[in-house]
Protein backbone atom coordinates (compact mmCIF):
# COMPACT_ATOMS: atom_id res chain seq x y z
CA UNK A 1 0.00 0.00 0.00
CA UNK A 2 2.85 2.32 0.82
CA UNK A 3 4.39 1.79 -2.66
CA UNK A 4 1.24 2.92 -4.49
CA UNK A 5 0.94 5.98 -2.25
CA UNK A 6 4.54 6.93 -2.96
CA UNK A 7 3.92 6.31 -6.65
CA UNK A 8 0.87 8.56 -6.78
CA UNK A 9 2.74 11.25 -4.84
CA UNK A 10 5.54 11.07 -7.38
CA UNK A 11 3.06 11.34 -10.26
CA UNK A 12 1.50 14.45 -8.70
CA UNK A 13 4.95 15.92 -8.10
CA UNK A 14 5.95 15.34 -11.74
CA UNK A 15 2.68 16.81 -13.00
CA UNK A 16 3.16 19.85 -10.79
CA UNK A 17 6.71 20.27 -12.03
CA UNK A 18 5.49 20.04 -15.63
CA UNK A 19 2.79 22.67 -15.04
CA UNK A 20 5.31 24.92 -13.32
CA UNK A 21 7.73 24.54 -16.22
CA UNK A 22 4.96 25.33 -18.71
CA UNK A 23 4.00 28.50 -16.83
CA UNK A 24 7.65 29.54 -16.65
CA UNK A 25 8.00 29.01 -20.39
CA UNK A 26 4.95 31.15 -21.08
CA UNK A 27 6.66 34.05 -19.35
CA UNK A 28 10.06 33.39 -20.98
CA UNK A 29 11.25 35.87 -23.61
CA UNK A 30 10.93 33.59 -26.66
CA UNK A 31 8.90 33.50 -29.82
CA UNK A 32 5.43 32.11 -29.37
CA UNK A 33 6.05 29.25 -31.82
CA UNK A 34 9.28 28.18 -30.09
CA UNK A 35 7.57 28.36 -26.72
CA UNK A 36 4.60 26.27 -27.92
CA UNK A 37 6.96 23.70 -29.43
CA UNK A 38 8.95 23.49 -26.19
CA UNK A 39 5.75 23.16 -24.13
CA UNK A 40 4.58 20.39 -26.47
CA UNK A 41 7.87 18.52 -26.11
CA UNK A 42 7.82 18.86 -22.33
CA UNK A 43 4.19 17.70 -22.22
CA UNK A 44 5.07 14.59 -24.25
CA UNK A 45 8.03 13.91 -21.94
CA UNK A 46 5.83 14.31 -18.86
CA UNK A 47 3.18 12.02 -20.38
CA UNK A 48 5.80 9.38 -21.15
CA UNK A 49 7.24 9.56 -17.64
CA UNK A 50 3.78 9.33 -16.09
CA UNK A 51 2.94 6.30 -18.27
CA UNK A 52 6.23 4.63 -17.33
CA UNK A 53 5.61 5.31 -13.64
CA UNK A 54 2.05 3.98 -13.81
CA UNK A 55 3.31 0.78 -15.47
CA UNK A 56 5.95 0.46 -12.77
CA UNK A 57 3.36 0.92 -10.01
CA UNK A 58 1.07 -1.60 -11.76
CA UNK A 59 3.91 -4.14 -11.94
CA UNK A 60 4.74 -3.72 -8.24
CA UNK A 61 1.06 -3.97 -7.33
CA UNK A 62 0.66 -7.13 -9.43
CA UNK A 63 3.73 -8.71 -7.81
CA UNK A 64 2.45 -7.90 -4.32
CA UNK A 65 -1.01 -9.23 -5.19
CA UNK A 66 0.44 -12.47 -6.57
CA UNK A 67 2.61 -12.91 -3.47
CA UNK A 68 -0.41 -12.34 -1.22
CA UNK A 69 -2.51 -14.78 -3.25
CA UNK A 70 0.23 -17.42 -3.06
CA UNK A 71 0.55 -16.92 0.69
CA UNK A 72 -3.25 -17.14 1.08
CA UNK A 73 -3.39 -20.39 -0.90
CA UNK A 74 -0.54 -21.78 1.20
CA UNK A 75 -2.34 -20.89 4.43
CA UNK A 76 -5.60 -22.34 3.11
CA UNK A 77 -3.87 -25.61 2.20
CA UNK A 78 -2.23 -25.77 5.62
CA UNK A 79 -5.59 -25.26 7.28
CA UNK A 80 -7.16 -27.89 5.05
CA UNK A 81 -4.38 -30.38 5.89
CA UNK A 82 -4.66 -29.63 9.63
CA UNK A 83 -8.43 -30.09 9.49
CA UNK A 84 -8.11 -33.38 7.63
CA UNK A 85 -5.51 -34.57 10.14
CA UNK A 86 -7.82 -33.66 13.05
CA UNK A 87 -10.70 -35.53 11.38
CA UNK A 88 -8.49 -38.57 10.80
CA UNK A 89 -7.30 -38.50 14.44
CA UNK A 90 -10.88 -38.18 15.70
CA UNK A 91 -11.99 -41.07 13.46
CA UNK A 92 -9.11 -43.21 14.69
CA UNK A 93 -10.00 -42.40 18.29
CA UNK A 94 -13.65 -43.28 17.75
CA UNK A 95 -12.72 -46.47 15.91
CA UNK A 96 -10.36 -47.48 18.74
CA UNK A 97 -12.99 -46.69 21.35
CA UNK A 98 -15.63 -48.74 19.50
CA UNK A 99 -13.26 -51.72 19.11
CA UNK A 100 -12.37 -51.56 22.83
CA UNK A 101 -15.97 -51.59 23.90
């Protein structure tokens, strides 16, 4: 959970940095066409970085989910085995008690 929170914070930070850079470029003493081109390039870069980060967060989330699912299955199987063992022991005890009687 902490990884996804850090990932979303990083995304918001990068988006804020991109907006700040765009505003700074609007006030820079350049031609309008050069400024628009630079803003477009920076926007594409920010979009690519955000997409890369979201894929990275998705991969980490998927890995954590798979690990949790594997651990859950393992615990379920252990519980199933312990239950079966308890049933077998109880059956053996009842069988022994019936034979003794």
